[in-house]
Amino acid sequence: MDHIREVRFLTDDRDKKSRNELVISWGHNGDWYVAVVPEGQGTAGKGVHISTSGGASFSVPGLTQAISDAFHAIANAKGNGISHIT
């Protein structure tokens, strides 16, 4: 799983014409990037940078671990609405 850099979870709202995806990316620097975007779209300019060396790790203790846990939960899942990018 260490080679997975991005996971996507497509909303369960199957009755919606236009659906959103939760996108969590793991940066080469160890930081996290989180965005909610329309299905299949990129995240440039739409995400939040969560720093593991300062920033969020100090101001919101536990946030980086929670994002890591969410990333791994999606990475370990299989099925409709789940995708992984290496």
PDB file of N, CA and C in Angstrom:
ATOM      1  N   MET A   1       0.811  -1.190   0.000  1.00  0.00           N
ATOM      2  CA  MET A   1       0.000   0.000   0.000  1.00  0.00           C
ATOM      3  C   MET A   1       0.861   1.263   0.000  1.00  0.00           C
ATOM      4  N   ASP A   2       2.134   1.162   0.296  1.00  0.00           N
ATOM      5  CA  ASP A   2       3.002   2.337   0.345  1.00  0.00           C
ATOM      6  C   ASP A   2       3.104   3.046  -0.999  1.00  0.00           C
ATOM      7  N   HIS A   3       2.795   2.362  -2.084  1.00  0.00           N
ATOM      8  CA  HIS A   3       2.888   2.971  -3.409  1.00  0.00           C
ATOM      9  C   HIS A   3       1.644   3.769  -3.789  1.00  0.00           C
ATOM     10  N   ILE A   4       0.564   3.653  -3.030  1.00  0.00           N
ATOM     11  CA  ILE A   4      -0.649   4.409  -3.309  1.00  0.00           C
ATOM     12  C   ILE A   4      -0.449   5.844  -2.854  1.00  0.00           C
ATOM     13  N   ARG A   5      -0.695   6.796  -3.742  1.00  0.00           N
ATOM     14  CA  ARG A   5      -0.495   8.211  -3.452  1.00  0.00           C
ATOM     15  C   ARG A   5      -1.797   8.984  -3.304  1.00  0.00           C
ATOM     16  N   GLU A   6      -2.888   8.434  -3.869  1.00  0.00           N
ATOM     17  CA  GLU A   6      -4.159   9.138  -3.815  1.00  0.00           C
ATOM     18  C   GLU A   6      -5.298   8.133  -3.763  1.00  0.00           C
ATOM     19  N   VAL A   7      -6.288   8.429  -2.934  1.00  0.00           N
ATOM     20  CA  VAL A   7      -7.495   7.607  -2.879  1.00  0.00           C
ATOM     21  C   VAL A   7      -8.696   8.515  -3.095  1.00  0.00           C
ATOM     22  N   ARG A   8      -9.742   7.928  -3.669  1.00  0.00           N
ATOM     23  CA  ARG A   8     -10.983   8.660  -3.925  1.00  0.00           C
ATOM     24  C   ARG A   8     -12.160   7.827  -3.459  1.00  0.00           C
ATOM     25  N   PHE A   9     -13.090   8.516  -2.795  1.00  0.00           N
ATOM     26  CA  PHE A   9     -14.337   7.881  -2.389  1.00  0.00           C
ATOM     27  C   PHE A   9     -15.485   8.680  -2.981  1.00  0.00           C
ATOM     28  N   LEU A  10     -16.251   8.044  -3.849  1.00  0.00           N
ATOM     29  CA  LEU A  10     -17.398   8.683  -4.483  1.00  0.00           C
ATOM     30  C   LEU A  10     -18.592   8.601  -3.549  1.00  0.00           C
ATOM     31  N   THR A  11     -19.288   9.712  -3.392  1.00  0.00           N
ATOM     32  CA  THR A  11     -20.422   9.765  -2.472  1.00  0.00           C
ATOM     33  C   THR A  11     -21.417   8.625  -2.692  1.00  0.00           C
ATOM     34  N   ASP A  12     -22.071   8.240  -1.628  1.00  0.00           N
ATOM     35  CA  ASP A  12     -23.103   7.209  -1.689  1.00  0.00           C
ATOM     36  C   ASP A  12     -24.423   7.740  -2.227  1.00  0.00           C
ATOM     37  N   ASP A  13     -24.524   9.040  -2.472  1.00  0.00           N
ATOM     38  CA  ASP A  13     -25.767   9.641  -2.974  1.00  0.00           C
ATOM     39  C   ASP A  13     -25.968   9.249  -4.431  1.00  0.00           C
ATOM     40  N   ARG A  14     -26.443   8.040  -4.669  1.00  0.00           N
ATOM     41  CA  ARG A  14     -26.590   7.507  -6.023  1.00  0.00           C
ATOM     42  C   ARG A  14     -27.706   8.170  -6.819  1.00  0.00           C
ATOM     43  N   ASP A  15     -28.618   8.847  -6.141  1.00  0.00           N
ATOM     44  CA  ASP A  15     -29.739   9.481  -6.830  1.00  0.00           C
ATOM     45  C   ASP A  15     -29.383  10.866  -7.373  1.00  0.00           C
ATOM     46  N   LYS A  16     -28.202  11.347  -7.068  1.00  0.00           N
ATOM     47  CA  LYS A  16     -27.790  12.668  -7.537  1.00  0.00           C
ATOM     48  C   LYS A  16     -27.232  12.574  -8.956  1.00  0.00           C
ATOM     49  N   LYS A  17     -27.548  13.560  -9.753  1.00  0.00           N
ATOM     50  CA  LYS A  17     -27.067  13.604 -11.137  1.00  0.00           C
ATOM     51  C   LYS A  17     -25.568  13.901 -11.180  1.00  0.00           C
ATOM     52  N   SER A  18     -25.146  14.828 -10.328  1.00  0.00           N
ATOM     53  CA  SER A  18     -23.745  15.203 -10.242  1.00  0.00           C
ATOM     54  C   SER A  18     -23.256  14.856  -8.838  1.00  0.00           C
ATOM     55  N   ARG A  19     -22.269  13.955  -8.756  1.00  0.00           N
ATOM     56  CA  ARG A  19     -21.805  13.501  -7.444  1.00  0.00           C
ATOM     57  C   ARG A  19     -20.400  14.016  -7.151  1.00  0.00           C
ATOM     58  N   ASN A  20     -20.068  14.110  -5.876  1.00  0.00           N
ATOM     59  CA  ASN A  20     -18.754  14.556  -5.428  1.00  0.00           C
ATOM     60  C   ASN A  20     -17.922  13.389  -4.930  1.00  0.00           C
ATOM     61  N   GLU A  21     -16.600  13.582  -4.993  1.00  0.00           N
ATOM     62  CA  GLU A  21     -15.653  12.607  -4.471  1.00  0.00           C
ATOM     63  C   GLU A  21     -14.813  13.241  -3.371  1.00  0.00           C
ATOM     64  N   LEU A  22     -14.555  12.462  -2.332  1.00  0.00           N
ATOM     65  CA  LEU A  22     -13.565  12.827  -1.331  1.00  0.00           C
ATOM     66  C   LEU A  22     -12.233  12.337  -1.864  1.00  0.00           C
ATOM     67  N   VAL A  23     -11.256  13.222  -1.942  1.00  0.00           N
ATOM     68  CA  VAL A  23      -9.931  12.870  -2.457  1.00  0.00           C
ATOM     69  C   VAL A  23      -8.910  13.148  -1.364  1.00  0.00           C
ATOM     70  N   ILE A  24      -8.125  12.133  -1.022  1.00  0.00           N
ATOM     71  CA  ILE A  24      -7.047  12.295  -0.049  1.00  0.00           C
ATOM     72  C   ILE A  24      -5.759  11.880  -0.739  1.00  0.00           C
ATOM     73  N   SER A  25      -4.796  12.792  -0.765  1.00  0.00           N
ATOM     74  CA  SER A  25      -3.498  12.523  -1.385  1.00  0.00           C
ATOM     75  C   SER A  25      -2.410  12.600  -0.331  1.00  0.00           C
ATOM     76  N   TRP A  26      -1.423  11.739  -0.498  1.00  0.00           N
ATOM     77  CA  TRP A  26      -0.268  11.711   0.382  1.00  0.00           C
ATOM     78  C   TRP A  26       0.914  12.274  -0.384  1.00  0.00           C
ATOM     79  N   GLY A  27       1.480  13.374   0.107  1.00  0.00           N
ATOM     80  CA  GLY A  27       2.592  14.019  -0.576  1.00  0.00           C
ATOM     81  C   GLY A  27       3.917  13.334  -0.301  1.00  0.00           C
ATOM     82  N   HIS A  28       4.867  13.546  -1.174  1.00  0.00           N
ATOM     83  CA  HIS A  28       6.210  12.983  -1.003  1.00  0.00           C
ATOM     84  C   HIS A  28       6.878  13.511   0.263  1.00  0.00           C
ATOM     85  N   ASN A  29       6.403  14.651   0.750  1.00  0.00           N
ATOM     86  CA  ASN A  29       6.948  15.240   1.977  1.00  0.00           C
ATOM     87  C   ASN A  29       6.251  14.699   3.230  1.00  0.00           C
ATOM     88  N   GLY A  30       5.285  13.784   3.049  1.00  0.00           N
ATOM     89  CA  GLY A  30       4.568  13.207   4.179  1.00  0.00           C
ATOM     90  C   GLY A  30       3.308  13.967   4.567  1.00  0.00           C
ATOM     91  N   ASP A  31       3.096  15.127   3.952  1.00  0.00           N
ATOM     92  CA  ASP A  31       1.901  15.913   4.247  1.00  0.00           C
ATOM     93  C   ASP A  31       0.691  15.324   3.533  1.00  0.00           C
ATOM     94  N   TRP A  32      -0.487  15.746   3.971  1.00  0.00           N
ATOM     95  CA  TRP A  32      -1.747  15.274   3.403  1.00  0.00           C
ATOM     96  C   TRP A  32      -2.429  16.409   2.649  1.00  0.00           C
ATOM     97  N   TYR A  33      -3.166  16.043   1.616  1.00  0.00           N
ATOM     98  CA  TYR A  33      -3.943  16.984   0.824  1.00  0.00           C
ATOM     99  C   TYR A  33      -5.346  16.406   0.695  1.00  0.00           C
ATOM    100  N   VAL A  34      -6.351  17.179   1.089  1.00  0.00           N
ATOM    101  CA  VAL A  34      -7.731  16.694   1.118  1.00  0.00           C
ATOM    102  C   VAL A  34      -8.608  17.654   0.320  1.00  0.00           C
ATOM    103  N   ALA A  35      -9.484  17.084  -0.513  1.00  0.00           N
ATOM    104  CA  ALA A  35     -10.393  17.906  -1.310  1.00  0.00           C
ATOM    105  C   ALA A  35     -11.701  17.163  -1.525  1.00  0.00           C
ATOM    106  N   VAL A  36     -12.722  17.917  -1.813  1.00  0.00           N
ATOM    107  CA  VAL A  36     -13.997  17.370  -2.278  1.00  0.00           C
ATOM    108  C   VAL A  36     -14.239  18.016  -3.629  1.00  0.00           C
ATOM    109  N   VAL A  37     -14.338  17.175  -4.671  1.00  0.00           N
ATOM    110  CA  VAL A  37     -14.462  17.679  -6.042  1.00  0.00           C
ATOM    111  C   VAL A  37     -15.565  16.918  -6.777  1.00  0.00           C
ATOM    112  N   PRO A  38     -16.098  17.512  -7.843  1.00  0.00           N
ATOM    113  CA  PRO A  38     -17.038  16.769  -8.668  1.00  0.00           C
ATOM    114  C   PRO A  38     -16.372  15.497  -9.219  1.00  0.00           C
ATOM    115  N   GLU A  39     -17.148  14.459  -9.384  1.00  0.00           N
ATOM    116  CA  GLU A  39     -16.655  13.151  -9.815  1.00  0.00           C
ATOM    117  C   GLU A  39     -15.692  13.266 -10.989  1.00  0.00           C
ATOM    118  N   GLY A  40     -14.495  12.688 -10.810  1.00  0.00           N
ATOM    119  CA  GLY A  40     -13.503  12.614 -11.864  1.00  0.00           C
ATOM    120  C   GLY A  40     -12.674  13.864 -12.096  1.00  0.00           C
ATOM    121  N   GLN A  41     -12.938  14.936 -11.379  1.00  0.00           N
ATOM    122  CA  GLN A  41     -12.192  16.172 -11.599  1.00  0.00           C
ATOM    123  C   GLN A  41     -10.921  16.222 -10.761  1.00  0.00           C
ATOM    124  N   GLY A  42     -10.012  17.088 -11.167  1.00  0.00           N
ATOM    125  CA  GLY A  42      -8.769  17.288 -10.445  1.00  0.00           C
ATOM    126  C   GLY A  42      -8.981  18.112  -9.180  1.00  0.00           C
ATOM    127  N   THR A  43      -7.919  18.183  -8.398  1.00  0.00           N
ATOM    128  CA  THR A  43      -8.014  18.851  -7.106  1.00  0.00           C
ATOM    129  C   THR A  43      -7.278  20.188  -7.045  1.00  0.00           C
ATOM    130  N   ALA A  44      -6.597  20.577  -8.109  1.00  0.00           N
ATOM    131  CA  ALA A  44      -5.793  21.808  -8.088  1.00  0.00           C
ATOM    132  C   ALA A  44      -6.629  22.997  -7.641  1.00  0.00           C
ATOM    133  N   GLY A  45      -6.176  23.651  -6.599  1.00  0.00           N
ATOM    134  CA  GLY A  45      -6.844  24.832  -6.088  1.00  0.00           C
ATOM    135  C   GLY A  45      -8.117  24.564  -5.294  1.00  0.00           C
ATOM    136  N   LYS A  46      -8.423  23.287  -5.051  1.00  0.00           N
ATOM    137  CA  LYS A  46      -9.669  22.949  -4.359  1.00  0.00           C
ATOM    138  C   LYS A  46      -9.438  22.179  -3.063  1.00  0.00           C
ATOM    139  N   GLY A  47      -8.184  22.008  -2.689  1.00  0.00           N
ATOM    140  CA  GLY A  47      -7.884  21.174  -1.539  1.00  0.00           C
ATOM    141  C   GLY A  47      -7.352  21.937  -0.349  1.00  0.00           C
ATOM    142  N   VAL A  48      -7.142  21.184   0.707  1.00  0.00           N
ATOM    143  CA  VAL A  48      -6.580  21.702   1.944  1.00  0.00           C
ATOM    144  C   VAL A  48      -5.268  20.962   2.196  1.00  0.00           C
ATOM    145  N   HIS A  49      -4.209  21.704   2.474  1.00  0.00           N
ATOM    146  CA  HIS A  49      -2.898  21.136   2.796  1.00  0.00           C
ATOM    147  C   HIS A  49      -2.823  20.953   4.302  1.00  0.00           C
ATOM    148  N   ILE A  50      -2.558  19.724   4.730  1.00  0.00           N
ATOM    149  CA  ILE A  50      -2.467  19.420   6.157  1.00  0.00           C
ATOM    150  C   ILE A  50      -1.033  18.992   6.446  1.00  0.00           C
ATOM    151  N   SER A  51      -0.291  19.871   7.074  1.00  0.00           N
ATOM    152  CA  SER A  51       1.124  19.656   7.346  1.00  0.00           C
ATOM    153  C   SER A  51       1.334  18.706   8.519  1.00  0.00           C
ATOM    154  N   THR A  52       2.264  17.788   8.351  1.00  0.00           N
ATOM    155  CA  THR A  52       2.593  16.855   9.437  1.00  0.00           C
ATOM    156  C   THR A  52       3.777  17.339  10.265  1.00  0.00           C
ATOM    157  N   SER A  53       4.409  18.430   9.838  1.00  0.00           N
ATOM    158  CA  SER A  53       5.561  18.953  10.582  1.00  0.00           C
ATOM    159  C   SER A  53       5.303  20.399  10.997  1.00  0.00           C
ATOM    160  N   GLY A  54       4.312  20.575  11.806  1.00  0.00           N
ATOM    161  CA  GLY A  54       3.913  21.916  12.212  1.00  0.00           C
ATOM    162  C   GLY A  54       2.470  22.124  11.802  1.00  0.00           C
ATOM    163  N   GLY A  55       2.052  23.347  11.738  1.00  0.00           N
ATOM    164  CA  GLY A  55       0.695  23.647  11.295  1.00  0.00           C
ATOM    165  C   GLY A  55      -0.351  22.811  12.002  1.00  0.00           C
ATOM    166  N   ALA A  56      -1.081  22.008  11.232  1.00  0.00           N
ATOM    167  CA  ALA A  56      -2.183  21.211  11.769  1.00  0.00           C
ATOM    168  C   ALA A  56      -1.738  20.236  12.853  1.00  0.00           C
ATOM    169  N   SER A  57      -0.529  19.705  12.729  1.00  0.00           N
ATOM    170  CA  SER A  57      -0.085  18.727  13.728  1.00  0.00           C
ATOM    171  C   SER A  57       0.034  19.344  15.130  1.00  0.00           C
ATOM    172  N   PHE A  58       0.219  20.662  15.188  1.00  0.00           N
ATOM    173  CA  PHE A  58       0.281  21.343  16.477  1.00  0.00           C
ATOM    174  C   PHE A  58      -1.037  22.013  16.851  1.00  0.00           C
ATOM    175  N   SER A  59      -1.688  22.650  15.877  1.00  0.00           N
ATOM    176  CA  SER A  59      -2.902  23.404  16.185  1.00  0.00           C
ATOM    177  C   SER A  59      -4.142  22.526  16.327  1.00  0.00           C
ATOM    178  N   VAL A  60      -4.146  21.359  15.674  1.00  0.00           N
ATOM    179  CA  VAL A  60      -5.285  20.435  15.765  1.00  0.00           C
ATOM    180  C   VAL A  60      -4.733  19.027  16.017  1.00  0.00           C
ATOM    181  N   PRO A  61      -4.270  18.757  17.235  1.00  0.00           N
ATOM    182  CA  PRO A  61      -3.697  17.443  17.524  1.00  0.00           C
ATOM    183  C   PRO A  61      -4.678  16.327  17.170  1.00  0.00           C
ATOM    184  N   GLY A  62      -4.158  15.323  16.488  1.00  0.00           N
ATOM    185  CA  GLY A  62      -4.982  14.184  16.100  1.00  0.00           C
ATOM    186  C   GLY A  62      -5.514  14.267  14.678  1.00  0.00           C
ATOM    187  N   LEU A  63      -5.491  15.468  14.074  1.00  0.00           N
ATOM    188  CA  LEU A  63      -6.034  15.611  12.720  1.00  0.00           C
ATOM    189  C   LEU A  63      -5.216  14.825  11.698  1.00  0.00           C
ATOM    190  N   THR A  64      -3.902  14.949  11.749  1.00  0.00           N
ATOM    191  CA  THR A  64      -3.093  14.230  10.761  1.00  0.00           C
ATOM    192  C   THR A  64      -3.281  12.719  10.884  1.00  0.00           C
ATOM    193  N   GLN A  65      -3.419  12.211  12.097  1.00  0.00           N
ATOM    194  CA  GLN A  65      -3.655  10.776  12.283  1.00  0.00           C
ATOM    195  C   GLN A  65      -5.034  10.384  11.751  1.00  0.00           C
ATOM    196  N   ALA A  66      -6.033  11.234  11.967  1.00  0.00           N
ATOM    197  CA  ALA A  66      -7.381  10.957  11.466  1.00  0.00           C
ATOM    198  C   ALA A  66      -7.399  10.914   9.941  1.00  0.00           C
ATOM    199  N   ILE A  67      -6.697  11.835   9.295  1.00  0.00           N
ATOM    200  CA  ILE A  67      -6.624  11.840   7.830  1.00  0.00           C
ATOM    201  C   ILE A  67      -5.887  10.599   7.348  1.00  0.00           C
ATOM    202  N   SER A  68      -4.801  10.243   8.033  1.00  0.00           N
ATOM    203  CA  SER A  68      -4.069   9.019   7.693  1.00  0.00           C
ATOM    204  C   SER A  68      -4.967   7.789   7.819  1.00  0.00           C
ATOM    205  N   ASP A  69      -5.744   7.732   8.884  1.00  0.00           N
ATOM    206  CA  ASP A  69      -6.661   6.602   9.085  1.00  0.00           C
ATOM    207  C   ASP A  69      -7.702   6.537   7.969  1.00  0.00           C
ATOM    208  N   ALA A  70      -8.250   7.691   7.580  1.00  0.00           N
ATOM    209  CA  ALA A  70      -9.234   7.735   6.496  1.00  0.00           C
ATOM    210  C   ALA A  70      -8.605   7.290   5.178  1.00  0.00           C
ATOM    211  N   PHE A  71      -7.387   7.761   4.893  1.00  0.00           N
ATOM    212  CA  PHE A  71      -6.662   7.365   3.688  1.00  0.00           C
ATOM    213  C   PHE A  71      -6.503   5.848   3.635  1.00  0.00           C
ATOM    214  N   HIS A  72      -6.043   5.271   4.733  1.00  0.00           N
ATOM    215  CA  HIS A  72      -5.818   3.825   4.769  1.00  0.00           C
ATOM    216  C   HIS A  72      -7.120   3.032   4.695  1.00  0.00           C
ATOM    217  N   ALA A  73      -8.177   3.549   5.278  1.00  0.00           N
ATOM    218  CA  ALA A  73      -9.474   2.873   5.190  1.00  0.00           C
ATOM    219  C   ALA A  73      -9.936   2.795   3.743  1.00  0.00           C
ATOM    220  N   ILE A  74      -9.805   3.897   3.010  1.00  0.00           N
ATOM    221  CA  ILE A  74     -10.203   3.904   1.600  1.00  0.00           C
ATOM    222  C   ILE A  74      -9.246   3.046   0.779  1.00  0.00           C
ATOM    223  N   ALA A  75      -7.949   3.133   1.072  1.00  0.00           N
ATOM    224  CA  ALA A  75      -6.956   2.343   0.329  1.00  0.00           C
ATOM    225  C   ALA A  75      -7.187   0.847   0.496  1.00  0.00           C
ATOM    226  N   ASN A  76      -7.682   0.436   1.646  1.00  0.00           N
ATOM    227  CA  ASN A  76      -7.920  -0.987   1.904  1.00  0.00           C
ATOM    228  C   ASN A  76      -9.282  -1.460   1.406  1.00  0.00           C
ATOM    229  N   ALA A  77     -10.126  -0.536   0.994  1.00  0.00           N
ATOM    230  CA  ALA A  77     -11.481  -0.888   0.546  1.00  0.00           C
ATOM    231  C   ALA A  77     -11.481  -1.240  -0.932  1.00  0.00           C
ATOM    232  N   LYS A  78     -12.477  -1.991  -1.304  1.00  0.00           N
ATOM    233  CA  LYS A  78     -12.686  -2.324  -2.707  1.00  0.00           C
ATOM    234  C   LYS A  78     -14.164  -2.145  -3.001  1.00  0.00           C
ATOM    235  N   GLY A  79     -14.507  -1.875  -4.226  1.00  0.00           N
ATOM    236  CA  GLY A  79     -15.902  -1.772  -4.586  1.00  0.00           C
ATOM    237  C   GLY A  79     -16.219  -0.520  -5.371  1.00  0.00           C
ATOM    238  N   ASN A  80     -17.483  -0.354  -5.637  1.00  0.00           N
ATOM    239  CA  ASN A  80     -17.956   0.813  -6.404  1.00  0.00           C
ATOM    240  C   ASN A  80     -17.640   2.093  -5.638  1.00  0.00           C
ATOM    241  N   GLY A  81     -17.174   3.083  -6.387  1.00  0.00           N
ATOM    242  CA  GLY A  81     -16.931   4.388  -5.788  1.00  0.00           C
ATOM    243  C   GLY A  81     -15.581   4.528  -5.114  1.00  0.00           C
ATOM    244  N   ILE A  82     -14.733   3.485  -5.182  1.00  0.00           N
ATOM    245  CA  ILE A  82     -13.400   3.525  -4.567  1.00  0.00           C
ATOM    246  C   ILE A  82     -12.366   3.480  -5.689  1.00  0.00           C
ATOM    247  N   SER A  83     -11.390   4.383  -5.641  1.00  0.00           N
ATOM    248  CA  SER A  83     -10.304   4.302  -6.622  1.00  0.00           C
ATOM    249  C   SER A  83      -8.998   4.696  -5.950  1.00  0.00           C
ATOM    250  N   HIS A  84      -7.914   4.142  -6.496  1.00  0.00           N
ATOM    251  CA  HIS A  84      -6.566   4.381  -5.972  1.00  0.00           C
ATOM    252  C   HIS A  84      -5.677   4.833  -7.125  1.00  0.00           C
ATOM    253  N   ILE A  85      -4.798   5.748  -6.854  1.00  0.00           N
ATOM    254  CA  ILE A  85      -3.837   6.202  -7.847  1.00  0.00           C
ATOM    255  C   ILE A  85      -2.445   6.009  -7.277  1.00  0.00           C
ATOM    256  N   THR A  86      -1.592   5.372  -8.036  1.00  0.00           N
ATOM    257  CA  THR A  86      -0.223   5.120  -7.572  1.00  0.00           C
ATOM    258  C   THR A  86       0.739   6.089  -8.189  1.00  0.00           C
TER     259      THR A  86
END
